[in-house]
Amino acid sequence: MIIDQLTQNGIMDPGMLYEAPFTDLHSDGLDGMFNNDADIEGIITIVSEFNKGADVKFGAA
């Protein structure tokens, strides 16, 4: 799903990992799918790196 999102849009707000369709797989989103904090942080880092290439910022200013 992450690959699909990045392929379709070129960017992805990491916050989406805690919304549908990711919460359709587990109600806690990314946290529920992975038990290891390092894995979770790694995935968020990878998604954020794609966004850097597009010079896009998400979340609070």
N, C-alpha and C. Protein backbone atom coordinates (compact mmCIF):
# COMPACT_ATOMS: atom_id res chain seq x y z
N MET A 1 0.82 -1.20 0.00
CA MET A 1 0.00 0.00 0.00
C MET A 1 0.86 1.26 0.00
N ILE A 2 1.98 1.23 0.71
CA ILE A 2 2.88 2.38 0.71
C ILE A 2 3.43 2.60 -0.69
N ILE A 3 3.87 1.54 -1.32
CA ILE A 3 4.42 1.64 -2.68
C ILE A 3 3.35 2.17 -3.64
N ASP A 4 2.13 1.68 -3.51
CA ASP A 4 1.04 2.15 -4.37
C ASP A 4 0.83 3.65 -4.18
N GLN A 5 0.81 4.09 -2.93
CA GLN A 5 0.59 5.51 -2.63
C GLN A 5 1.71 6.36 -3.22
N LEU A 6 2.96 5.93 -3.03
CA LEU A 6 4.09 6.70 -3.55
C LEU A 6 4.11 6.67 -5.08
N THR A 7 3.74 5.55 -5.67
CA THR A 7 3.71 5.45 -7.13
C THR A 7 2.64 6.36 -7.72
N GLN A 8 1.48 6.40 -7.10
CA GLN A 8 0.38 7.20 -7.62
C GLN A 8 0.59 8.70 -7.41
N ASN A 9 1.17 9.07 -6.26
CA ASN A 9 1.25 10.49 -5.90
C ASN A 9 2.66 11.05 -5.81
N GLY A 10 3.66 10.19 -5.73
CA GLY A 10 5.03 10.65 -5.61
C GLY A 10 5.42 11.07 -4.20
N ILE A 11 4.43 11.29 -3.35
CA ILE A 11 4.64 11.67 -1.96
C ILE A 11 3.61 10.96 -1.09
N MET A 12 3.85 11.00 0.21
CA MET A 12 2.89 10.41 1.13
C MET A 12 3.09 11.02 2.51
N ASP A 13 2.05 11.54 3.09
CA ASP A 13 2.10 12.03 4.46
C ASP A 13 2.28 10.83 5.37
N PRO A 14 3.36 10.76 6.17
CA PRO A 14 3.54 9.62 7.07
C PRO A 14 2.37 9.40 8.02
N GLY A 15 1.62 10.45 8.30
CA GLY A 15 0.43 10.32 9.14
C GLY A 15 -0.63 9.41 8.56
N MET A 16 -0.58 9.23 7.23
CA MET A 16 -1.53 8.33 6.58
C MET A 16 -1.36 6.89 7.03
N LEU A 17 -0.19 6.57 7.58
CA LEU A 17 0.07 5.20 8.05
C LEU A 17 -0.81 4.84 9.25
N TYR A 18 -1.49 5.85 9.79
CA TYR A 18 -2.38 5.64 10.94
C TYR A 18 -3.84 5.93 10.58
N GLU A 19 -4.13 5.90 9.27
CA GLU A 19 -5.48 6.12 8.76
C GLU A 19 -5.82 4.99 7.78
N ALA A 20 -7.07 4.96 7.34
CA ALA A 20 -7.47 3.99 6.33
C ALA A 20 -6.68 4.26 5.06
N PRO A 21 -6.25 3.29 4.34
CA PRO A 21 -6.56 1.87 4.43
C PRO A 21 -5.65 1.09 5.38
N PHE A 22 -4.64 1.76 5.95
CA PHE A 22 -3.72 1.05 6.84
C PHE A 22 -4.40 0.57 8.12
N THR A 23 -5.37 1.34 8.60
CA THR A 23 -6.12 0.92 9.78
C THR A 23 -7.11 -0.19 9.45
N ASP A 24 -7.33 -0.44 8.16
CA ASP A 24 -8.16 -1.58 7.78
C ASP A 24 -7.44 -2.89 8.08
N LEU A 25 -6.09 -2.84 8.03
CA LEU A 25 -5.29 -4.04 8.33
C LEU A 25 -5.14 -4.24 9.84
N HIS A 26 -5.03 -3.15 10.57
CA HIS A 26 -4.95 -3.19 12.04
C HIS A 26 -5.44 -1.85 12.56
N SER A 27 -6.26 -1.86 13.57
CA SER A 27 -6.86 -0.62 14.08
C SER A 27 -5.83 0.40 14.54
N ASP A 28 -4.63 -0.04 14.91
CA ASP A 28 -3.57 0.86 15.34
C ASP A 28 -2.65 1.28 14.19
N GLY A 29 -3.03 0.94 12.97
CA GLY A 29 -2.23 1.31 11.82
C GLY A 29 -0.86 0.66 11.87
N LEU A 30 0.16 1.44 11.54
CA LEU A 30 1.52 0.94 11.47
C LEU A 30 1.98 0.32 12.79
N ASP A 31 1.63 0.94 13.91
CA ASP A 31 2.03 0.42 15.23
C ASP A 31 1.47 -0.96 15.49
N GLY A 32 0.30 -1.24 14.98
CA GLY A 32 -0.31 -2.54 15.18
C GLY A 32 0.24 -3.62 14.27
N MET A 33 0.80 -3.20 13.15
CA MET A 33 1.32 -4.17 12.19
C MET A 33 2.76 -4.58 12.50
N PHE A 34 3.48 -3.73 13.22
CA PHE A 34 4.87 -4.02 13.56
C PHE A 34 5.06 -3.87 15.07
N ASN A 35 5.78 -4.80 15.67
CA ASN A 35 6.02 -4.76 17.11
C ASN A 35 7.31 -4.05 17.47
N ASN A 36 8.18 -3.89 16.50
CA ASN A 36 9.51 -3.34 16.73
C ASN A 36 9.52 -1.85 16.40
N ASP A 37 9.84 -1.01 17.39
CA ASP A 37 9.86 0.44 17.16
C ASP A 37 10.86 0.82 16.07
N ALA A 38 11.98 0.10 15.97
CA ALA A 38 12.98 0.40 14.95
C ALA A 38 12.40 0.18 13.55
N ASP A 39 11.57 -0.85 13.37
CA ASP A 39 10.93 -1.10 12.08
C ASP A 39 9.96 0.04 11.74
N ILE A 40 9.19 0.45 12.73
CA ILE A 40 8.21 1.53 12.53
C ILE A 40 8.93 2.81 12.15
N GLU A 41 9.96 3.16 12.90
CA GLU A 41 10.72 4.37 12.62
C GLU A 41 11.40 4.29 11.25
N GLY A 42 11.87 3.11 10.90
CA GLY A 42 12.51 2.91 9.59
C GLY A 42 11.55 3.16 8.45
N ILE A 43 10.34 2.66 8.57
CA ILE A 43 9.33 2.86 7.53
C ILE A 43 8.98 4.34 7.40
N ILE A 44 8.80 5.00 8.53
CA ILE A 44 8.48 6.43 8.52
C ILE A 44 9.64 7.22 7.90
N THR A 45 10.86 6.83 8.20
CA THR A 45 12.03 7.50 7.63
C THR A 45 12.08 7.33 6.12
N ILE A 46 11.81 6.13 5.64
CA ILE A 46 11.82 5.88 4.19
C ILE A 46 10.76 6.73 3.50
N VAL A 47 9.56 6.76 4.05
CA VAL A 47 8.49 7.57 3.45
C VAL A 47 8.90 9.05 3.46
N SER A 48 9.48 9.50 4.56
CA SER A 48 9.91 10.90 4.67
C SER A 48 10.99 11.24 3.66
N GLU A 49 11.89 10.30 3.38
CA GLU A 49 12.95 10.53 2.39
C GLU A 49 12.37 10.75 1.00
N PHE A 50 11.32 10.03 0.65
CA PHE A 50 10.66 10.26 -0.64
C PHE A 50 10.10 11.68 -0.69
N ASN A 51 9.54 12.13 0.41
CA ASN A 51 8.96 13.47 0.46
C ASN A 51 10.03 14.55 0.34
N LYS A 52 11.22 14.30 0.88
CA LYS A 52 12.30 15.29 0.78
C LYS A 52 12.64 15.56 -0.68
N GLY A 53 12.63 14.51 -1.48
CA GLY A 53 12.92 14.68 -2.90
C GLY A 53 11.91 15.57 -3.60
N ALA A 54 10.71 15.61 -3.08
CA ALA A 54 9.65 16.45 -3.64
C ALA A 54 9.57 17.80 -2.93
N ASP A 55 10.42 18.00 -1.90
CA ASP A 55 10.44 19.22 -1.10
C ASP A 55 9.05 19.55 -0.54
N VAL A 56 8.43 18.53 0.08
CA VAL A 56 7.12 18.67 0.67
C VAL A 56 7.23 18.42 2.17
N LYS A 57 6.50 19.25 2.94
CA LYS A 57 6.49 19.06 4.39
C LYS A 57 5.05 18.81 4.83
N PHE A 58 4.89 17.89 5.76
CA PHE A 58 3.57 17.55 6.29
C PHE A 58 3.54 17.87 7.78
N GLY A 59 2.36 18.00 8.33
CA GLY A 59 2.21 18.18 9.76
C GLY A 59 2.29 19.64 10.15
N ALA A 60 2.56 19.86 11.44
CA ALA A 60 2.61 21.22 11.99
C ALA A 60 3.75 22.00 11.39
N ALA A 61 3.57 23.30 11.32
CA ALA A 61 4.59 24.21 10.74
C ALA A 61 5.81 24.31 11.60
